[in-house]
Amino acid sequence: MRPLLLSLGWFFVAVGVIGVFLPVLPTTPFLLLAVACFARSSPKLEAWLLEHPKFGPPLRDWREKGAIPRKAKIAAVVMMSVSYAIFWFGTSPPFWRATLVAALMIGPAIFVVTRPEPGA
């Protein structure tokens, strides 16, 4: 199981790094998955991610307090809204589909917005 978790951890790190350069791909959730995989396969790599100067603070904030920075909350909700607008205007969905997609996006948006902020 250790080699599988180690491989998955590196895969999630790679996807997270790609997300730094692609605004449609979130970085932190993939790095959270990488930390979880490394926690079970390589404490050294887990520590490396948690102590990383750029990625470590949000990972530690999430692990310790379930906290999301305000800037990240705003970015997440704005991207969800833009995605929904593209869906709405780009596909002209029937009412039931538009309502279903809105309901599926509102849940995660509420979750993100209600998380505490670091230092709060």
PDB file of N, CA and C in Angstrom:
ATOM      1  N   MET A   1       0.821  -1.189   0.000  1.00  0.00           N
ATOM      2  CA  MET A   1       0.000   0.000   0.000  1.00  0.00           C
ATOM      3  C   MET A   1       0.875   1.268   0.000  1.00  0.00           C
ATOM      4  N   ARG A   2       2.031   1.186   0.649  1.00  0.00           N
ATOM      5  CA  ARG A   2       2.921   2.348   0.733  1.00  0.00           C
ATOM      6  C   ARG A   2       3.336   2.857  -0.645  1.00  0.00           C
ATOM      7  N   PRO A   3       3.753   1.997  -1.576  1.00  0.00           N
ATOM      8  CA  PRO A   3       4.131   2.506  -2.908  1.00  0.00           C
ATOM      9  C   PRO A   3       2.963   3.181  -3.639  1.00  0.00           C
ATOM     10  N   LEU A   4       1.764   2.639  -3.466  1.00  0.00           N
ATOM     11  CA  LEU A   4       0.596   3.253  -4.104  1.00  0.00           C
ATOM     12  C   LEU A   4       0.343   4.647  -3.537  1.00  0.00           C
ATOM     13  N   LEU A   5       0.373   4.781  -2.205  1.00  0.00           N
ATOM     14  CA  LEU A   5       0.152   6.085  -1.584  1.00  0.00           C
ATOM     15  C   LEU A   5       1.253   7.071  -1.937  1.00  0.00           C
ATOM     16  N   LEU A   6       2.481   6.587  -2.014  1.00  0.00           N
ATOM     17  CA  LEU A   6       3.600   7.443  -2.400  1.00  0.00           C
ATOM     18  C   LEU A   6       3.417   7.935  -3.835  1.00  0.00           C
ATOM     19  N   SER A   7       3.021   7.054  -4.724  1.00  0.00           N
ATOM     20  CA  SER A   7       2.774   7.430  -6.127  1.00  0.00           C
ATOM     21  C   SER A   7       1.626   8.419  -6.233  1.00  0.00           C
ATOM     22  N   LEU A   8       0.551   8.153  -5.515  1.00  0.00           N
ATOM     23  CA  LEU A   8      -0.582   9.080  -5.520  1.00  0.00           C
ATOM     24  C   LEU A   8      -0.173  10.446  -4.970  1.00  0.00           C
ATOM     25  N   GLY A   9       0.628  10.437  -3.913  1.00  0.00           N
ATOM     26  CA  GLY A   9       1.102  11.697  -3.334  1.00  0.00           C
ATOM     27  C   GLY A   9       1.853  12.524  -4.356  1.00  0.00           C
ATOM     28  N   TRP A  10       2.767  11.897  -5.090  1.00  0.00           N
ATOM     29  CA  TRP A  10       3.531  12.620  -6.117  1.00  0.00           C
ATOM     30  C   TRP A  10       2.639  13.065  -7.266  1.00  0.00           C
ATOM     31  N   PHE A  11       1.664  12.237  -7.621  1.00  0.00           N
ATOM     32  CA  PHE A  11       0.710  12.623  -8.662  1.00  0.00           C
ATOM     33  C   PHE A  11      -0.042  13.888  -8.239  1.00  0.00           C
ATOM     34  N   PHE A  12      -0.523  13.917  -6.992  1.00  0.00           N
ATOM     35  CA  PHE A  12      -1.253  15.087  -6.504  1.00  0.00           C
ATOM     36  C   PHE A  12      -0.351  16.315  -6.400  1.00  0.00           C
ATOM     37  N   VAL A  13       0.904  16.129  -6.048  1.00  0.00           N
ATOM     38  CA  VAL A  13       1.839  17.256  -6.041  1.00  0.00           C
ATOM     39  C   VAL A  13       1.980  17.810  -7.459  1.00  0.00           C
ATOM     40  N   ALA A  14       2.142  16.923  -8.436  1.00  0.00           N
ATOM     41  CA  ALA A  14       2.298  17.356  -9.832  1.00  0.00           C
ATOM     42  C   ALA A  14       1.068  18.131 -10.304  1.00  0.00           C
ATOM     43  N   VAL A  15      -0.118  17.600 -10.012  1.00  0.00           N
ATOM     44  CA  VAL A  15      -1.351  18.287 -10.428  1.00  0.00           C
ATOM     45  C   VAL A  15      -1.465  19.632  -9.696  1.00  0.00           C
ATOM     46  N   GLY A  16      -1.093  19.664  -8.435  1.00  0.00           N
ATOM     47  CA  GLY A  16      -1.123  20.914  -7.674  1.00  0.00           C
ATOM     48  C   GLY A  16      -0.183  21.958  -8.243  1.00  0.00           C
ATOM     49  N   VAL A  17       1.000  21.542  -8.637  1.00  0.00           N
ATOM     50  CA  VAL A  17       1.968  22.478  -9.232  1.00  0.00           C
ATOM     51  C   VAL A  17       1.446  22.990 -10.576  1.00  0.00           C
ATOM     52  N   ILE A  18       0.834  22.116 -11.352  1.00  0.00           N
ATOM     53  CA  ILE A  18       0.225  22.555 -12.617  1.00  0.00           C
ATOM     54  C   ILE A  18      -0.856  23.592 -12.325  1.00  0.00           C
ATOM     55  N   GLY A  19      -1.586  23.394 -11.241  1.00  0.00           N
ATOM     56  CA  GLY A  19      -2.636  24.329 -10.850  1.00  0.00           C
ATOM     57  C   GLY A  19      -2.126  25.721 -10.516  1.00  0.00           C
ATOM     58  N   VAL A  20      -0.850  25.824 -10.159  1.00  0.00           N
ATOM     59  CA  VAL A  20      -0.271  27.149  -9.906  1.00  0.00           C
ATOM     60  C   VAL A  20      -0.311  27.978 -11.186  1.00  0.00           C
ATOM     61  N   PHE A  21      -0.142  27.332 -12.319  1.00  0.00           N
ATOM     62  CA  PHE A  21      -0.056  28.037 -13.600  1.00  0.00           C
ATOM     63  C   PHE A  21      -1.375  28.076 -14.369  1.00  0.00           C
ATOM     64  N   LEU A  22      -2.317  27.204 -14.009  1.00  0.00           N
ATOM     65  CA  LEU A  22      -3.624  27.173 -14.674  1.00  0.00           C
ATOM     66  C   LEU A  22      -4.693  27.636 -13.688  1.00  0.00           C
ATOM     67  N   PRO A  23      -5.282  28.794 -13.906  1.00  0.00           N
ATOM     68  CA  PRO A  23      -6.240  29.312 -12.927  1.00  0.00           C
ATOM     69  C   PRO A  23      -7.506  28.464 -12.761  1.00  0.00           C
ATOM     70  N   VAL A  24      -7.815  27.602 -13.710  1.00  0.00           N
ATOM     71  CA  VAL A  24      -9.020  26.773 -13.578  1.00  0.00           C
ATOM     72  C   VAL A  24      -8.783  25.523 -12.745  1.00  0.00           C
ATOM     73  N   LEU A  25      -7.543  25.256 -12.392  1.00  0.00           N
ATOM     74  CA  LEU A  25      -7.200  24.064 -11.622  1.00  0.00           C
ATOM     75  C   LEU A  25      -6.734  24.490 -10.229  1.00  0.00           C
ATOM     76  N   PRO A  26      -7.459  24.117  -9.186  1.00  0.00           N
ATOM     77  CA  PRO A  26      -7.065  24.547  -7.844  1.00  0.00           C
ATOM     78  C   PRO A  26      -5.799  23.833  -7.361  1.00  0.00           C
ATOM     79  N   THR A  27      -4.965  24.543  -6.672  1.00  0.00           N
ATOM     80  CA  THR A  27      -3.704  23.976  -6.176  1.00  0.00           C
ATOM     81  C   THR A  27      -3.875  23.318  -4.810  1.00  0.00           C
ATOM     82  N   THR A  28      -4.423  24.052  -3.857  1.00  0.00           N
ATOM     83  CA  THR A  28      -4.455  23.592  -2.468  1.00  0.00           C
ATOM     84  C   THR A  28      -5.170  22.262  -2.265  1.00  0.00           C
ATOM     85  N   PRO A  29      -6.338  22.026  -2.875  1.00  0.00           N
ATOM     86  CA  PRO A  29      -6.981  20.715  -2.630  1.00  0.00           C
ATOM     87  C   PRO A  29      -6.117  19.528  -3.052  1.00  0.00           C
ATOM     88  N   PHE A  30      -5.384  19.687  -4.152  1.00  0.00           N
ATOM     89  CA  PHE A  30      -4.517  18.587  -4.584  1.00  0.00           C
ATOM     90  C   PHE A  30      -3.332  18.420  -3.636  1.00  0.00           C
ATOM     91  N   LEU A  31      -2.827  19.528  -3.112  1.00  0.00           N
ATOM     92  CA  LEU A  31      -1.729  19.416  -2.152  1.00  0.00           C
ATOM     93  C   LEU A  31      -2.224  18.837  -0.828  1.00  0.00           C
ATOM     94  N   LEU A  32      -3.473  19.120  -0.464  1.00  0.00           N
ATOM     95  CA  LEU A  32      -4.049  18.485   0.734  1.00  0.00           C
ATOM     96  C   LEU A  32      -4.131  16.967   0.556  1.00  0.00           C
ATOM     97  N   LEU A  33      -4.523  16.543  -0.636  1.00  0.00           N
ATOM     98  CA  LEU A  33      -4.540  15.108  -0.919  1.00  0.00           C
ATOM     99  C   LEU A  33      -3.132  14.523  -0.883  1.00  0.00           C
ATOM    100  N   ALA A  34      -2.163  15.273  -1.398  1.00  0.00           N
ATOM    101  CA  ALA A  34      -0.777  14.806  -1.373  1.00  0.00           C
ATOM    102  C   ALA A  34      -0.284  14.651   0.065  1.00  0.00           C
ATOM    103  N   VAL A  35      -0.584  15.631   0.908  1.00  0.00           N
ATOM    104  CA  VAL A  35      -0.167  15.552   2.316  1.00  0.00           C
ATOM    105  C   VAL A  35      -0.802  14.333   2.983  1.00  0.00           C
ATOM    106  N   ALA A  36      -2.075  14.076   2.684  1.00  0.00           N
ATOM    107  CA  ALA A  36      -2.746  12.912   3.277  1.00  0.00           C
ATOM    108  C   ALA A  36      -2.081  11.614   2.833  1.00  0.00           C
ATOM    109  N   CYS A  37      -1.725  11.522   1.557  1.00  0.00           N
ATOM    110  CA  CYS A  37      -1.037  10.317   1.062  1.00  0.00           C
ATOM    111  C   CYS A  37       0.346  10.180   1.684  1.00  0.00           C
ATOM    112  N   PHE A  38       1.076  11.295   1.753  1.00  0.00           N
ATOM    113  CA  PHE A  38       2.416  11.253   2.331  1.00  0.00           C
ATOM    114  C   PHE A  38       2.376  10.953   3.828  1.00  0.00           C
ATOM    115  N   ALA A  39       1.328  11.374   4.520  1.00  0.00           N
ATOM    116  CA  ALA A  39       1.209  11.096   5.961  1.00  0.00           C
ATOM    117  C   ALA A  39       1.184   9.596   6.222  1.00  0.00           C
ATOM    118  N   ARG A  40       0.670   8.847   5.258  1.00  0.00           N
ATOM    119  CA  ARG A  40       0.564   7.395   5.420  1.00  0.00           C
ATOM    120  C   ARG A  40       1.691   6.625   4.727  1.00  0.00           C
ATOM    121  N   SER A  41       2.531   7.352   3.973  1.00  0.00           N
ATOM    122  CA  SER A  41       3.574   6.635   3.241  1.00  0.00           C
ATOM    123  C   SER A  41       4.976   7.183   3.476  1.00  0.00           C
ATOM    124  N   SER A  42       5.102   8.485   3.712  1.00  0.00           N
ATOM    125  CA  SER A  42       6.426   9.073   3.886  1.00  0.00           C
ATOM    126  C   SER A  42       6.354  10.323   4.769  1.00  0.00           C
ATOM    127  N   PRO A  43       6.591  10.167   6.064  1.00  0.00           N
ATOM    128  CA  PRO A  43       6.575  11.329   6.954  1.00  0.00           C
ATOM    129  C   PRO A  43       7.556  12.431   6.520  1.00  0.00           C
ATOM    130  N   LYS A  44       8.638  12.037   5.879  1.00  0.00           N
ATOM    131  CA  LYS A  44       9.616  13.021   5.415  1.00  0.00           C
ATOM    132  C   LYS A  44       9.009  13.921   4.327  1.00  0.00           C
ATOM    133  N   LEU A  45       8.292  13.326   3.372  1.00  0.00           N
ATOM    134  CA  LEU A  45       7.653  14.115   2.317  1.00  0.00           C
ATOM    135  C   LEU A  45       6.472  14.917   2.864  1.00  0.00           C
ATOM    136  N   GLU A  46       5.775  14.354   3.829  1.00  0.00           N
ATOM    137  CA  GLU A  46       4.695  15.094   4.485  1.00  0.00           C
ATOM    138  C   GLU A  46       5.254  16.361   5.141  1.00  0.00           C
ATOM    139  N   ALA A  47       6.342  16.210   5.875  1.00  0.00           N
ATOM    140  CA  ALA A  47       6.978  17.363   6.528  1.00  0.00           C
ATOM    141  C   ALA A  47       7.477  18.369   5.501  1.00  0.00           C
ATOM    142  N   TRP A  48       8.022  17.871   4.391  1.00  0.00           N
ATOM    143  CA  TRP A  48       8.507  18.763   3.331  1.00  0.00           C
ATOM    144  C   TRP A  48       7.374  19.662   2.810  1.00  0.00           C
ATOM    145  N   LEU A  49       6.211  19.067   2.546  1.00  0.00           N
ATOM    146  CA  LEU A  49       5.077  19.871   2.058  1.00  0.00           C
ATOM    147  C   LEU A  49       4.574  20.829   3.127  1.00  0.00           C
ATOM    148  N   LEU A  50       4.443  20.352   4.350  1.00  0.00           N
ATOM    149  CA  LEU A  50       3.927  21.202   5.422  1.00  0.00           C
ATOM    150  C   LEU A  50       4.879  22.351   5.755  1.00  0.00           C
ATOM    151  N   GLU A  51       6.166  22.177   5.509  1.00  0.00           N
ATOM    152  CA  GLU A  51       7.142  23.226   5.796  1.00  0.00           C
ATOM    153  C   GLU A  51       7.508  24.053   4.565  1.00  0.00           C
ATOM    154  N   HIS A  52       6.903  23.747   3.420  1.00  0.00           N
ATOM    155  CA  HIS A  52       7.195  24.487   2.196  1.00  0.00           C
ATOM    156  C   HIS A  52       6.854  25.967   2.410  1.00  0.00           C
ATOM    157  N   PRO A  53       7.738  26.890   1.995  1.00  0.00           N
ATOM    158  CA  PRO A  53       7.480  28.309   2.263  1.00  0.00           C
ATOM    159  C   PRO A  53       6.212  28.847   1.589  1.00  0.00           C
ATOM    160  N   LYS A  54       5.872  28.369   0.424  1.00  0.00           N
ATOM    161  CA  LYS A  54       4.702  28.876  -0.309  1.00  0.00           C
ATOM    162  C   LYS A  54       3.436  28.084   0.011  1.00  0.00           C
ATOM    163  N   PHE A  55       3.516  26.765  -0.003  1.00  0.00           N
ATOM    164  CA  PHE A  55       2.333  25.924   0.146  1.00  0.00           C
ATOM    165  C   PHE A  55       2.073  25.476   1.582  1.00  0.00           C
ATOM    166  N   GLY A  56       3.074  25.512   2.419  1.00  0.00           N
ATOM    167  CA  GLY A  56       2.940  25.019   3.793  1.00  0.00           C
ATOM    168  C   GLY A  56       1.906  25.741   4.642  1.00  0.00           C
ATOM    169  N   PRO A  57       1.909  27.085   4.670  1.00  0.00           N
ATOM    170  CA  PRO A  57       0.955  27.769   5.554  1.00  0.00           C
ATOM    171  C   PRO A  57      -0.516  27.421   5.314  1.00  0.00           C
ATOM    172  N   PRO A  58      -1.016  27.435   4.062  1.00  0.00           N
ATOM    173  CA  PRO A  58      -2.432  27.065   3.916  1.00  0.00           C
ATOM    174  C   PRO A  58      -2.702  25.598   4.248  1.00  0.00           C
ATOM    175  N   LEU A  59      -1.731  24.733   3.999  1.00  0.00           N
ATOM    176  CA  LEU A  59      -1.909  23.311   4.341  1.00  0.00           C
ATOM    177  C   LEU A  59      -1.972  23.128   5.852  1.00  0.00           C
ATOM    178  N   ARG A  60      -1.093  23.826   6.567  1.00  0.00           N
ATOM    179  CA  ARG A  60      -1.101  23.742   8.035  1.00  0.00           C
ATOM    180  C   ARG A  60      -2.380  24.359   8.608  1.00  0.00           C
ATOM    181  N   ASP A  61      -2.808  25.498   8.038  1.00  0.00           N
ATOM    182  CA  ASP A  61      -4.045  26.139   8.511  1.00  0.00           C
ATOM    183  C   ASP A  61      -5.234  25.193   8.366  1.00  0.00           C
ATOM    184  N   TRP A  62      -5.309  24.497   7.232  1.00  0.00           N
ATOM    185  CA  TRP A  62      -6.418  23.573   7.025  1.00  0.00           C
ATOM    186  C   TRP A  62      -6.333  22.405   8.001  1.00  0.00           C
ATOM    187  N   ARG A  63      -5.137  21.866   8.160  1.00  0.00           N
ATOM    188  CA  ARG A  63      -4.965  20.702   9.022  1.00  0.00           C
ATOM    189  C   ARG A  63      -5.259  21.037  10.485  1.00  0.00           C
ATOM    190  N   GLU A  64      -4.805  22.185  10.930  1.00  0.00           N
ATOM    191  CA  GLU A  64      -4.938  22.539  12.339  1.00  0.00           C
ATOM    192  C   GLU A  64      -6.311  23.104  12.694  1.00  0.00           C
ATOM    193  N   LYS A  65      -6.893  23.933  11.815  1.00  0.00           N
ATOM    194  CA  LYS A  65      -8.124  24.641  12.161  1.00  0.00           C
ATOM    195  C   LYS A  65      -9.234  24.510  11.127  1.00  0.00           C
ATOM    196  N   GLY A  66      -8.971  23.814  10.010  1.00  0.00           N
ATOM    197  CA  GLY A  66      -9.958  23.773   8.938  1.00  0.00           C
ATOM    198  C   GLY A  66     -10.160  25.149   8.337  1.00  0.00           C
ATOM    199  N   ALA A  67      -9.118  25.982   8.375  1.00  0.00           N
ATOM    200  CA  ALA A  67      -9.215  27.384   7.975  1.00  0.00           C
ATOM    201  C   ALA A  67      -8.858  27.592   6.504  1.00  0.00           C
ATOM    202  N   ILE A  68      -9.570  28.523   5.875  1.00  0.00           N
ATOM    203  CA  ILE A  68      -9.318  28.920   4.491  1.00  0.00           C
ATOM    204  C   ILE A  68      -9.148  30.428   4.477  1.00  0.00           C
ATOM    205  N   PRO A  69      -8.065  30.944   3.867  1.00  0.00           N
ATOM    206  CA  PRO A  69      -7.870  32.400   3.808  1.00  0.00           C
ATOM    207  C   PRO A  69      -8.991  33.099   3.036  1.00  0.00           C
ATOM    208  N   ARG A  70      -9.310  34.318   3.431  1.00  0.00           N
ATOM    209  CA  ARG A  70     -10.383  35.077   2.795  1.00  0.00           C
ATOM    210  C   ARG A  70     -10.166  35.217   1.290  1.00  0.00           C
ATOM    211  N   LYS A  71      -8.934  35.475   0.894  1.00  0.00           N
ATOM    212  CA  LYS A  71      -8.621  35.623  -0.532  1.00  0.00           C
ATOM    213  C   LYS A  71      -8.966  34.341  -1.307  1.00  0.00           C
ATOM    214  N   ALA A  72      -8.691  33.198  -0.722  1.00  0.00           N
ATOM    215  CA  ALA A  72      -9.005  31.915  -1.369  1.00  0.00           C
ATOM    216  C   ALA A  72     -10.514  31.682  -1.413  1.00  0.00           C
ATOM    217  N   LYS A  73     -11.219  32.092  -0.357  1.00  0.00           N
ATOM    218  CA  LYS A  73     -12.675  31.964  -0.354  1.00  0.00           C
ATOM    219  C   LYS A  73     -13.279  32.796  -1.486  1.00  0.00           C
ATOM    220  N   ILE A  74     -12.825  34.030  -1.601  1.00  0.00           N
ATOM    221  CA  ILE A  74     -13.343  34.913  -2.645  1.00  0.00           C
ATOM    222  C   ILE A  74     -13.038  34.336  -4.019  1.00  0.00           C
ATOM    223  N   ALA A  75     -11.811  33.873  -4.211  1.00  0.00           N
ATOM    224  CA  ALA A  75     -11.433  33.295  -5.504  1.00  0.00           C
ATOM    225  C   ALA A  75     -12.302  32.084  -5.830  1.00  0.00           C
ATOM    226  N   ALA A  76     -12.552  31.237  -4.845  1.00  0.00           N
ATOM    227  CA  ALA A  76     -13.356  30.033  -5.083  1.00  0.00           C
ATOM    228  C   ALA A  76     -14.786  30.392  -5.478  1.00  0.00           C
ATOM    229  N   VAL A  77     -15.389  31.302  -4.751  1.00  0.00           N
ATOM    230  CA  VAL A  77     -16.776  31.667  -5.042  1.00  0.00           C
ATOM    231  C   VAL A  77     -16.875  32.403  -6.380  1.00  0.00           C
ATOM    232  N   VAL A  78     -15.916  33.260  -6.669  1.00  0.00           N
ATOM    233  CA  VAL A  78     -15.925  33.964  -7.958  1.00  0.00           C
ATOM    234  C   VAL A  78     -15.774  32.967  -9.100  1.00  0.00           C
ATOM    235  N   MET A  79     -14.860  32.012  -8.979  1.00  0.00           N
ATOM    236  CA  MET A  79     -14.671  31.022 -10.041  1.00  0.00           C
ATOM    237  C   MET A  79     -15.916  30.149 -10.214  1.00  0.00           C
ATOM    238  N   MET A  80     -16.572  29.793  -9.109  1.00  0.00           N
ATOM    239  CA  MET A  80     -17.810  29.024  -9.219  1.00  0.00           C
ATOM    240  C   MET A  80     -18.876  29.845  -9.944  1.00  0.00           C
ATOM    241  N   SER A  81     -18.962  31.126  -9.612  1.00  0.00           N
ATOM    242  CA  SER A  81     -19.955  31.992 -10.250  1.00  0.00           C
ATOM    243  C   SER A  81     -19.675  32.165 -11.735  1.00  0.00           C
ATOM    244  N   VAL A  82     -18.415  32.374 -12.073  1.00  0.00           N
ATOM    245  CA  VAL A  82     -18.035  32.510 -13.483  1.00  0.00           C
ATOM    246  C   VAL A  82     -18.320  31.208 -14.231  1.00  0.00           C
ATOM    247  N   SER A  83     -18.008  30.087 -13.610  1.00  0.00           N
ATOM    248  CA  SER A  83     -18.279  28.787 -14.239  1.00  0.00           C
ATOM    249  C   SER A  83     -19.771  28.608 -14.483  1.00  0.00           C
ATOM    250  N   TYR A  84     -20.579  29.002 -13.509  1.00  0.00           N
ATOM    251  CA  TYR A  84     -22.023  28.867 -13.685  1.00  0.00           C
ATOM    252  C   TYR A  84     -22.520  29.795 -14.797  1.00  0.00           C
ATOM    253  N   ALA A  85     -21.988  31.007 -14.846  1.00  0.00           N
ATOM    254  CA  ALA A  85     -22.394  31.951 -15.899  1.00  0.00           C
ATOM    255  C   ALA A  85     -22.035  31.400 -17.279  1.00  0.00           C
ATOM    256  N   ILE A  86     -20.854  30.826 -17.400  1.00  0.00           N
ATOM    257  CA  ILE A  86     -20.449  30.218 -18.684  1.00  0.00           C
ATOM    258  C   ILE A  86     -21.389  29.071 -19.034  1.00  0.00           C
ATOM    259  N   PHE A  87     -21.708  28.249 -18.040  1.00  0.00           N
ATOM    260  CA  PHE A  87     -22.651  27.153 -18.252  1.00  0.00           C
ATOM    261  C   PHE A  87     -24.010  27.694 -18.700  1.00  0.00           C
ATOM    262  N   TRP A  88     -24.515  28.704 -17.995  1.00  0.00           N
ATOM    263  CA  TRP A  88     -25.851  29.259 -18.267  1.00  0.00           C
ATOM    264  C   TRP A  88     -25.933  29.883 -19.664  1.00  0.00           C
ATOM    265  N   PHE A  89     -24.983  30.791 -19.945  1.00  0.00           N
ATOM    266  CA  PHE A  89     -25.047  31.509 -21.217  1.00  0.00           C
ATOM    267  C   PHE A  89     -24.490  30.697 -22.390  1.00  0.00           C
ATOM    268  N   GLY A  90     -23.596  29.770 -22.088  1.00  0.00           N
ATOM    269  CA  GLY A  90     -22.970  28.986 -23.145  1.00  0.00           C
ATOM    270  C   GLY A  90     -23.792  27.813 -23.628  1.00  0.00           C
ATOM    271  N   THR A  91     -24.685  27.311 -22.764  1.00  0.00           N
ATOM    272  CA  THR A  91     -25.438  26.115 -23.157  1.00  0.00           C
ATOM    273  C   THR A  91     -26.944  26.312 -23.170  1.00  0.00           C
ATOM    274  N   SER A  92     -27.430  27.415 -22.622  1.00  0.00           N
ATOM    275  CA  SER A  92     -28.885  27.657 -22.512  1.00  0.00           C
ATOM    276  C   SER A  92     -29.600  26.412 -21.985  1.00  0.00           C
ATOM    277  N   PRO A  93     -29.267  25.998 -20.762  1.00  0.00           N
ATOM    278  CA  PRO A  93     -29.819  24.741 -20.237  1.00  0.00           C
ATOM    279  C   PRO A  93     -31.305  24.864 -19.914  1.00  0.00           C
ATOM    280  N   PRO A  94     -31.995  23.723 -19.922  1.00  0.00           N
ATOM    281  CA  PRO A  94     -33.381  23.746 -19.455  1.00  0.00           C
ATOM    282  C   PRO A  94     -33.407  24.097 -17.964  1.00  0.00           C
ATOM    283  N   PHE A  95     -34.541  24.586 -17.505  1.00  0.00           N
ATOM    284  CA  PHE A  95     -34.669  25.048 -16.120  1.00  0.00           C
ATOM    285  C   PHE A  95     -34.231  23.997 -15.114  1.00  0.00           C
ATOM    286  N   TRP A  96     -34.640  22.742 -15.291  1.00  0.00           N
ATOM    287  CA  TRP A  96     -34.307  21.691 -14.318  1.00  0.00           C
ATOM    288  C   TRP A  96     -32.803  21.473 -14.232  1.00  0.00           C
ATOM    289  N   ARG A  97     -32.111  21.530 -15.377  1.00  0.00           N
ATOM    290  CA  ARG A  97     -30.661  21.319 -15.370  1.00  0.00           C
ATOM    291  C   ARG A  97     -29.950  22.515 -14.728  1.00  0.00           C
ATOM    292  N   ALA A  98     -30.400  23.715 -15.047  1.00  0.00           N
ATOM    293  CA  ALA A  98     -29.801  24.916 -14.448  1.00  0.00           C
ATOM    294  C   ALA A  98     -29.980  24.907 -12.931  1.00  0.00           C
ATOM    295  N   THR A  99     -31.147  24.479 -12.478  1.00  0.00           N
ATOM    296  CA  THR A  99     -31.420  24.409 -11.039  1.00  0.00           C
ATOM    297  C   THR A  99     -30.560  23.343 -10.376  1.00  0.00           C
ATOM    298  N   LEU A 100     -30.433  22.191 -11.004  1.00  0.00           N
ATOM    299  CA  LEU A 100     -29.611  21.112 -10.454  1.00  0.00           C
ATOM    300  C   LEU A 100     -28.148  21.543 -10.328  1.00  0.00           C
ATOM    301  N   VAL A 101     -27.608  22.135 -11.383  1.00  0.00           N
ATOM    302  CA  VAL A 101     -26.209  22.577 -11.348  1.00  0.00           C
ATOM    303  C   VAL A 101     -26.030  23.660 -10.292  1.00  0.00           C
ATOM    304  N   ALA A 102     -26.960  24.600 -10.198  1.00  0.00           N
ATOM    305  CA  ALA A 102     -26.868  25.648  -9.174  1.00  0.00           C
ATOM    306  C   ALA A 102     -26.862  25.034  -7.778  1.00  0.00           C
ATOM    307  N   ALA A 103     -27.749  24.072  -7.548  1.00  0.00           N
ATOM    308  CA  ALA A 103     -27.808  23.421  -6.235  1.00  0.00           C
ATOM    309  C   ALA A 103     -26.505  22.690  -5.918  1.00  0.00           C
ATOM    310  N   LEU A 104     -25.917  22.048  -6.927  1.00  0.00           N
ATOM    311  CA  LEU A 104     -24.661  21.328  -6.710  1.00  0.00           C
ATOM    312  C   LEU A 104     -23.487  22.273  -6.483  1.00  0.00           C
ATOM    313  N   MET A 105     -23.578  23.494  -6.963  1.00  0.00           N
ATOM    314  CA  MET A 105     -22.484  24.455  -6.761  1.00  0.00           C
ATOM    315  C   MET A 105     -22.664  25.257  -5.468  1.00  0.00           C
ATOM    316  N   ILE A 106     -23.896  25.468  -5.067  1.00  0.00           N
ATOM    317  CA  ILE A 106     -24.155  26.259  -3.865  1.00  0.00           C
ATOM    318  C   ILE A 106     -23.658  25.541  -2.613  1.00  0.00           C
ATOM    319  N   GLY A 107     -23.816  24.228  -2.557  1.00  0.00           N
ATOM    320  CA  GLY A 107     -23.351  23.472  -1.388  1.00  0.00           C
ATOM    321  C   GLY A 107     -21.869  23.673  -1.096  1.00  0.00           C
ATOM    322  N   PRO A 108     -20.985  23.403  -2.068  1.00  0.00           N
ATOM    323  CA  PRO A 108     -19.561  23.646  -1.821  1.00  0.00           C
ATOM    324  C   PRO A 108     -19.240  25.117  -1.548  1.00  0.00           C
ATOM    325  N   ALA A 109     -19.965  26.036  -2.194  1.00  0.00           N
ATOM    326  CA  ALA A 109     -19.718  27.461  -1.942  1.00  0.00           C
ATOM    327  C   ALA A 109     -20.030  27.808  -0.485  1.00  0.00           C
ATOM    328  N   ILE A 110     -21.138  27.297   0.019  1.00  0.00           N
ATOM    329  CA  ILE A 110     -21.490  27.545   1.423  1.00  0.00           C
ATOM    330  C   ILE A 110     -20.441  26.936   2.344  1.00  0.00           C
ATOM    331  N   PHE A 111     -19.992  25.729   2.021  1.00  0.00           N
ATOM    332  CA  PHE A 111     -18.955  25.076   2.833  1.00  0.00           C
ATOM    333  C   PHE A 111     -17.700  25.941   2.903  1.00  0.00           C
ATOM    334  N   VAL A 112     -17.240  26.434   1.753  1.00  0.00           N
ATOM    335  CA  VAL A 112     -16.019  27.241   1.697  1.00  0.00           C
ATOM    336  C   VAL A 112     -16.195  28.533   2.496  1.00  0.00           C
ATOM    337  N   VAL A 113     -17.300  29.211   2.286  1.00  0.00           N
ATOM    338  CA  VAL A 113     -17.525  30.510   2.935  1.00  0.00           C
ATOM    339  C   VAL A 113     -17.647  30.372   4.450  1.00  0.00           C
ATOM    340  N   THR A 114     -18.180  29.257   4.936  1.00  0.00           N
ATOM    341  CA  THR A 114     -18.379  29.102   6.382  1.00  0.00           C
ATOM    342  C   THR A 114     -17.161  28.555   7.128  1.00  0.00           C
ATOM    343  N   ARG A 115     -16.085  28.243   6.420  1.00  0.00           N
ATOM    344  CA  ARG A 115     -14.862  27.791   7.113  1.00  0.00           C
ATOM    345  C   ARG A 115     -14.241  28.989   7.824  1.00  0.00           C
ATOM    346  N   PRO A 116     -13.578  28.735   8.956  1.00  0.00           N
ATOM    347  CA  PRO A 116     -12.911  29.855   9.633  1.00  0.00           C
ATOM    348  C   PRO A 116     -11.729  30.370   8.803  1.00  0.00           C
ATOM    349  N   GLU A 117     -11.295  31.568   9.136  1.00  0.00           N
ATOM    350  CA  GLU A 117     -10.123  32.146   8.469  1.00  0.00           C
ATOM    351  C   GLU A 117      -8.916  31.990   9.376  1.00  0.00           C
ATOM    352  N   PRO A 118      -7.728  31.855   8.793  1.00  0.00           N
ATOM    353  CA  PRO A 118      -6.516  31.724   9.613  1.00  0.00           C
ATOM    354  C   PRO A 118      -6.367  32.918  10.556  1.00  0.00           C
ATOM    355  N   GLY A 119      -6.002  32.635  11.769  1.00  0.00           N
ATOM    356  CA  GLY A 119      -5.789  33.691  12.737  1.00  0.00           C
ATOM    357  C   GLY A 119      -7.074  34.216  13.363  1.00  0.00           C
ATOM    358  N   ALA A 120      -8.203  33.685  12.952  1.00  0.00           N
ATOM    359  CA  ALA A 120      -9.478  34.176  13.495  1.00  0.00           C
ATOM    360  C   ALA A 120      -9.871  33.412  14.745  1.00  0.00           C
TER     361      ALA A 120
END
